[in-house]
């Protein structure tokens, strides 16, 4: 297993710790500004990353927009920690962006994620 595969597995493991409570959604400014589109919420972004890395979702420009619309304000992390979950959501999103962009840059649009 190479380094990128190890990072991918570690990221998927961390994302799987999310209890899907969705408390993070209520405090997310991009979710609120979107009029309630879940893809623009912290939970939605984690799910997008999870499904892209698992190969169950095809990568396109709209997903890129969702992933990069995160303001990294960390409001989601504050609520996550206050509810006892303690996920570093912004870091998970950042790591997902990095893995996806690295692979796409190296292998092109039709790269196996």
N, C-alpha and C. Protein backbone atom coordinates (compact mmCIF):
# COMPACT_ATOMS: atom_id res chain seq x y z
N UNK A 1 0.86 -1.18 0.00
CA UNK A 1 0.00 0.00 0.00
C UNK A 1 0.90 1.24 0.00
N UNK A 2 0.68 2.13 -0.96
CA UNK A 2 1.50 3.33 -1.03
C UNK A 2 0.97 4.41 -0.09
N UNK A 3 1.71 5.50 0.00
CA UNK A 3 1.38 6.57 0.95
C UNK A 3 0.01 7.18 0.70
N UNK A 4 -0.33 7.40 -0.57
CA UNK A 4 -1.63 8.00 -0.89
C UNK A 4 -2.78 7.07 -0.49
N UNK A 5 -2.61 5.78 -0.70
CA UNK A 5 -3.64 4.82 -0.30
C UNK A 5 -3.79 4.79 1.22
N UNK A 6 -2.67 4.91 1.93
CA UNK A 6 -2.72 4.95 3.39
C UNK A 6 -3.46 6.20 3.86
N UNK A 7 -3.18 7.34 3.23
CA UNK A 7 -3.87 8.58 3.59
C UNK A 7 -5.36 8.47 3.30
N UNK A 8 -5.69 7.86 2.18
CA UNK A 8 -7.09 7.66 1.80
C UNK A 8 -7.82 6.81 2.83
N UNK A 9 -7.21 5.70 3.23
CA UNK A 9 -7.83 4.81 4.21
C UNK A 9 -7.96 5.49 5.57
N UNK A 10 -6.94 6.24 5.96
CA UNK A 10 -7.00 6.97 7.24
C UNK A 10 -8.11 8.01 7.22
N UNK A 11 -8.25 8.72 6.10
CA UNK A 11 -9.29 9.74 5.98
C UNK A 11 -10.67 9.10 6.01
N UNK A 12 -10.85 8.02 5.28
CA UNK A 12 -12.14 7.33 5.30
C UNK A 12 -12.47 6.83 6.71
N UNK A 13 -11.45 6.37 7.43
CA UNK A 13 -11.66 5.93 8.81
C UNK A 13 -12.11 7.05 9.72
N UNK A 14 -11.51 8.22 9.56
CA UNK A 14 -11.90 9.38 10.37
C UNK A 14 -13.31 9.85 10.02
N UNK A 15 -13.62 9.89 8.73
CA UNK A 15 -14.95 10.32 8.30
C UNK A 15 -16.01 9.36 8.84
N UNK A 16 -15.67 8.09 8.91
CA UNK A 16 -16.65 7.10 9.39
C UNK A 16 -16.99 7.28 10.87
N UNK A 17 -16.20 8.07 11.59
CA UNK A 17 -16.48 8.34 13.00
C UNK A 17 -17.63 9.32 13.19
N UNK A 18 -18.01 10.00 12.12
CA UNK A 18 -19.12 10.95 12.18
C UNK A 18 -20.41 10.19 12.50
N UNK A 19 -21.15 10.68 13.49
CA UNK A 19 -22.39 10.00 13.91
C UNK A 19 -23.61 10.46 13.11
N UNK A 20 -23.41 11.31 12.14
CA UNK A 20 -24.49 11.81 11.28
C UNK A 20 -25.58 12.53 12.08
N UNK A 21 -25.19 13.20 13.14
CA UNK A 21 -26.16 13.94 13.96
C UNK A 21 -26.65 15.20 13.25
N UNK A 22 -25.82 15.75 12.39
CA UNK A 22 -26.12 16.94 11.59
C UNK A 22 -26.28 18.22 12.41
N UNK A 23 -25.80 18.26 13.63
CA UNK A 23 -25.82 19.50 14.39
C UNK A 23 -24.94 20.55 13.73
N UNK A 24 -23.91 20.12 13.01
CA UNK A 24 -22.99 21.03 12.34
C UNK A 24 -23.70 21.85 11.25
N UNK A 25 -24.74 21.30 10.70
CA UNK A 25 -25.45 21.97 9.62
C UNK A 25 -26.04 23.30 10.07
N UNK A 26 -26.59 23.30 11.27
CA UNK A 26 -27.29 24.49 11.76
C UNK A 26 -26.40 25.71 11.95
N UNK A 27 -25.10 25.49 12.12
CA UNK A 27 -24.20 26.62 12.38
C UNK A 27 -23.35 26.99 11.16
N UNK A 28 -23.51 26.30 10.06
CA UNK A 28 -22.67 26.51 8.88
C UNK A 28 -23.20 27.68 8.03
N UNK A 29 -22.37 28.71 7.84
CA UNK A 29 -22.84 29.86 7.05
C UNK A 29 -23.07 29.55 5.57
N UNK A 30 -22.30 28.64 4.99
CA UNK A 30 -22.51 28.33 3.57
C UNK A 30 -23.78 27.51 3.37
N UNK A 31 -24.10 26.67 4.33
CA UNK A 31 -25.37 25.91 4.27
C UNK A 31 -26.54 26.89 4.37
N UNK A 32 -26.45 27.83 5.29
CA UNK A 32 -27.52 28.81 5.46
C UNK A 32 -27.65 29.70 4.22
N UNK A 33 -26.53 30.13 3.66
CA UNK A 33 -26.56 30.99 2.48
C UNK A 33 -27.08 30.26 1.25
N UNK A 34 -26.91 28.93 1.21
CA UNK A 34 -27.37 28.16 0.06
C UNK A 34 -28.87 27.89 0.10
N UNK A 35 -29.51 28.26 1.18
CA UNK A 35 -30.94 28.00 1.30
C UNK A 35 -31.23 26.57 1.74
N UNK A 36 -30.26 25.93 2.35
CA UNK A 36 -30.49 24.59 2.89
C UNK A 36 -30.06 23.45 1.99
N UNK A 37 -29.11 23.67 1.11
CA UNK A 37 -28.59 22.60 0.26
C UNK A 37 -27.53 21.84 1.06
N UNK A 38 -27.80 20.57 1.36
CA UNK A 38 -26.93 19.82 2.26
C UNK A 38 -25.51 19.63 1.74
N UNK A 39 -25.31 19.68 0.46
CA UNK A 39 -23.96 19.57 -0.11
C UNK A 39 -23.06 20.73 0.30
N UNK A 40 -23.66 21.82 0.76
CA UNK A 40 -22.91 22.98 1.21
C UNK A 40 -22.78 23.01 2.73
N UNK A 41 -23.00 21.89 3.37
CA UNK A 41 -22.85 21.78 4.83
C UNK A 41 -21.62 20.94 5.15
N UNK A 42 -21.13 21.02 6.38
CA UNK A 42 -19.98 20.18 6.75
C UNK A 42 -20.28 18.69 6.57
N UNK A 43 -21.44 18.27 7.02
CA UNK A 43 -21.82 16.86 6.87
C UNK A 43 -21.88 16.47 5.39
N UNK A 44 -22.47 17.32 4.58
CA UNK A 44 -22.57 17.05 3.15
C UNK A 44 -21.21 16.95 2.48
N UNK A 45 -20.30 17.82 2.87
CA UNK A 45 -18.95 17.78 2.31
C UNK A 45 -18.23 16.49 2.69
N UNK A 46 -18.38 16.07 3.94
CA UNK A 46 -17.76 14.82 4.36
C UNK A 46 -18.32 13.64 3.58
N UNK A 47 -19.62 13.67 3.33
CA UNK A 47 -20.23 12.59 2.55
C UNK A 47 -19.74 12.60 1.10
N UNK A 48 -19.60 13.78 0.53
CA UNK A 48 -19.08 13.89 -0.84
C UNK A 48 -17.68 13.29 -0.91
N UNK A 49 -16.82 13.67 0.04
CA UNK A 49 -15.46 13.13 0.06
C UNK A 49 -15.48 11.62 0.23
N UNK A 50 -16.30 11.15 1.15
CA UNK A 50 -16.40 9.70 1.40
C UNK A 50 -16.80 8.94 0.13
N UNK A 51 -17.83 9.41 -0.54
CA UNK A 51 -18.32 8.71 -1.72
C UNK A 51 -17.38 8.85 -2.92
N UNK A 52 -16.70 9.99 -3.03
CA UNK A 52 -15.70 10.14 -4.10
C UNK A 52 -14.53 9.19 -3.89
N UNK A 53 -14.01 9.13 -2.66
CA UNK A 53 -12.88 8.26 -2.37
C UNK A 53 -13.24 6.78 -2.46
N UNK A 54 -14.49 6.47 -2.19
CA UNK A 54 -14.95 5.08 -2.28
C UNK A 54 -15.31 4.69 -3.71
N UNK A 55 -15.31 5.66 -4.63
CA UNK A 55 -15.63 5.37 -6.02
C UNK A 55 -17.11 5.22 -6.30
N UNK A 56 -17.94 5.71 -5.40
CA UNK A 56 -19.39 5.58 -5.56
C UNK A 56 -20.04 6.85 -6.11
N UNK A 57 -19.21 7.84 -6.41
CA UNK A 57 -19.69 9.11 -6.94
C UNK A 57 -18.70 9.58 -7.99
N UNK A 58 -19.20 10.12 -9.08
CA UNK A 58 -18.34 10.65 -10.14
C UNK A 58 -18.00 12.10 -9.85
N UNK A 59 -16.73 12.44 -10.03
CA UNK A 59 -16.25 13.79 -9.75
C UNK A 59 -16.67 14.74 -10.86
N UNK A 60 -17.19 15.90 -10.48
CA UNK A 60 -17.53 16.92 -11.48
C UNK A 60 -17.36 18.32 -10.87
N UNK A 61 -17.58 19.34 -11.66
CA UNK A 61 -17.35 20.71 -11.22
C UNK A 61 -18.26 21.13 -10.07
N UNK A 62 -19.50 20.64 -10.05
CA UNK A 62 -20.41 21.03 -8.97
C UNK A 62 -19.92 20.50 -7.62
N UNK A 63 -19.32 19.32 -7.62
CA UNK A 63 -18.79 18.77 -6.38
C UNK A 63 -17.55 19.54 -5.94
N UNK A 64 -16.74 19.94 -6.91
CA UNK A 64 -15.58 20.77 -6.60
C UNK A 64 -16.04 22.06 -5.93
N UNK A 65 -17.06 22.68 -6.47
CA UNK A 65 -17.59 23.91 -5.91
C UNK A 65 -18.07 23.69 -4.47
N UNK A 66 -18.77 22.60 -4.23
CA UNK A 66 -19.24 22.29 -2.87
C UNK A 66 -18.07 22.13 -1.91
N UNK A 67 -17.05 21.38 -2.32
CA UNK A 67 -15.92 21.12 -1.44
C UNK A 67 -15.11 22.38 -1.14
N UNK A 68 -14.98 23.25 -2.13
CA UNK A 68 -14.16 24.45 -1.95
C UNK A 68 -14.95 25.66 -1.46
N UNK A 69 -16.23 25.49 -1.20
CA UNK A 69 -17.02 26.60 -0.67
C UNK A 69 -16.92 26.70 0.85
N UNK A 70 -16.28 25.74 1.49
CA UNK A 70 -16.11 25.78 2.94
C UNK A 70 -15.25 26.98 3.33
N UNK A 71 -15.73 27.76 4.28
CA UNK A 71 -15.02 28.97 4.72
C UNK A 71 -13.97 28.67 5.80
N UNK A 72 -13.96 27.44 6.30
CA UNK A 72 -13.06 27.02 7.38
C UNK A 72 -13.21 27.91 8.61
N UNK A 73 -14.44 28.29 8.92
CA UNK A 73 -14.72 29.13 10.08
C UNK A 73 -14.69 28.33 11.38
N UNK A 74 -14.76 27.03 11.28
CA UNK A 74 -14.68 26.09 12.40
C UNK A 74 -15.90 26.10 13.32
N UNK A 75 -16.97 26.71 12.91
CA UNK A 75 -18.19 26.66 13.71
C UNK A 75 -18.68 25.22 13.84
N UNK A 76 -18.53 24.46 12.78
CA UNK A 76 -18.95 23.06 12.79
C UNK A 76 -18.15 22.26 13.83
N UNK A 77 -16.87 22.55 13.92
CA UNK A 77 -16.02 21.84 14.88
C UNK A 77 -16.41 22.18 16.31
N UNK A 78 -16.74 23.44 16.56
CA UNK A 78 -17.15 23.84 17.90
C UNK A 78 -18.40 23.08 18.34
N UNK A 79 -19.38 23.00 17.46
CA UNK A 79 -20.61 22.30 17.82
C UNK A 79 -20.36 20.79 17.91
N UNK A 80 -19.51 20.27 17.05
CA UNK A 80 -19.17 18.84 17.07
C UNK A 80 -18.52 18.49 18.42
N UNK A 81 -17.60 19.30 18.84
CA UNK A 81 -16.91 19.06 20.11
C UNK A 81 -17.86 19.21 21.29
N UNK A 82 -18.78 20.19 21.22
CA UNK A 82 -19.72 20.41 22.32
C UNK A 82 -20.72 19.25 22.44
N UNK A 83 -20.94 18.53 21.36
CA UNK A 83 -21.85 17.38 21.38
C UNK A 83 -21.12 16.07 21.65
N UNK A 84 -19.81 16.16 21.92
CA UNK A 84 -19.05 14.99 22.31
C UNK A 84 -18.43 14.18 21.19
N UNK A 85 -18.48 14.68 19.97
CA UNK A 85 -17.95 13.92 18.84
C UNK A 85 -16.46 14.18 18.63
N UNK A 86 -16.04 15.44 18.67
CA UNK A 86 -14.63 15.82 18.60
C UNK A 86 -13.95 15.54 17.26
N UNK A 87 -14.64 15.74 16.16
CA UNK A 87 -14.03 15.60 14.84
C UNK A 87 -13.42 16.94 14.41
N UNK A 88 -12.27 16.88 13.77
CA UNK A 88 -11.66 18.06 13.17
C UNK A 88 -12.17 18.16 11.73
N UNK A 89 -13.38 18.64 11.59
CA UNK A 89 -14.08 18.63 10.31
C UNK A 89 -13.33 19.42 9.24
N UNK A 90 -12.84 20.59 9.59
CA UNK A 90 -12.12 21.41 8.60
C UNK A 90 -10.87 20.70 8.11
N UNK A 91 -10.17 20.03 9.00
CA UNK A 91 -8.98 19.28 8.60
C UNK A 91 -9.35 18.10 7.71
N UNK A 92 -10.46 17.44 8.00
CA UNK A 92 -10.91 16.33 7.16
C UNK A 92 -11.26 16.81 5.76
N UNK A 93 -11.95 17.95 5.69
CA UNK A 93 -12.29 18.52 4.38
C UNK A 93 -11.02 18.92 3.63
N UNK A 94 -10.10 19.55 4.34
CA UNK A 94 -8.82 19.94 3.73
C UNK A 94 -8.06 18.71 3.21
N UNK A 95 -8.00 17.67 4.00
CA UNK A 95 -7.31 16.44 3.58
C UNK A 95 -7.99 15.81 2.38
N UNK A 96 -9.31 15.83 2.38
CA UNK A 96 -10.05 15.30 1.23
C UNK A 96 -9.77 16.10 -0.03
N UNK A 97 -9.77 17.41 0.08
CA UNK A 97 -9.44 18.27 -1.07
C UNK A 97 -8.05 17.93 -1.59
N UNK A 98 -7.11 17.79 -0.67
CA UNK A 98 -5.73 17.51 -1.06
C UNK A 98 -5.62 16.17 -1.80
N UNK A 99 -6.20 15.13 -1.24
CA UNK A 99 -6.11 13.81 -1.88
C UNK A 99 -6.77 13.82 -3.25
N UNK A 100 -7.94 14.41 -3.33
CA UNK A 100 -8.66 14.44 -4.60
C UNK A 100 -7.94 15.28 -5.64
N UNK A 101 -7.45 16.45 -5.25
CA UNK A 101 -6.79 17.32 -6.23
C UNK A 101 -5.45 16.75 -6.66
N UNK A 102 -4.72 16.12 -5.74
CA UNK A 102 -3.45 15.51 -6.09
C UNK A 102 -3.64 14.41 -7.13
N UNK A 103 -4.63 13.59 -6.91
CA UNK A 103 -4.89 12.49 -7.83
C UNK A 103 -5.38 13.01 -9.18
N UNK A 104 -6.24 14.00 -9.18
CA UNK A 104 -6.74 14.56 -10.44
C UNK A 104 -5.63 15.27 -11.21
N UNK A 105 -4.76 15.97 -10.50
CA UNK A 105 -3.65 16.66 -11.17
C UNK A 105 -2.69 15.67 -11.81
N UNK A 106 -2.49 14.56 -11.15
CA UNK A 106 -1.54 13.57 -11.63
C UNK A 106 -2.13 12.74 -12.79
N UNK A 107 -3.41 12.39 -12.68
CA UNK A 107 -3.96 11.43 -13.64
C UNK A 107 -5.07 11.97 -14.52
N UNK A 108 -5.45 13.21 -14.35
CA UNK A 108 -6.47 13.81 -15.21
C UNK A 108 -7.88 13.60 -14.69
N UNK A 109 -8.84 14.16 -15.41
CA UNK A 109 -10.24 14.17 -15.00
C UNK A 109 -10.80 12.78 -14.75
N UNK A 110 -10.38 11.80 -15.50
CA UNK A 110 -10.93 10.45 -15.35
C UNK A 110 -10.08 9.56 -14.47
N UNK A 111 -9.35 10.18 -13.57
CA UNK A 111 -8.49 9.40 -12.66
C UNK A 111 -9.34 8.56 -11.73
N UNK A 112 -8.82 7.43 -11.38
CA UNK A 112 -9.49 6.58 -10.40
C UNK A 112 -9.24 7.21 -9.03
N UNK A 113 -10.30 7.64 -8.37
CA UNK A 113 -10.15 8.29 -7.08
C UNK A 113 -10.06 7.23 -6.03
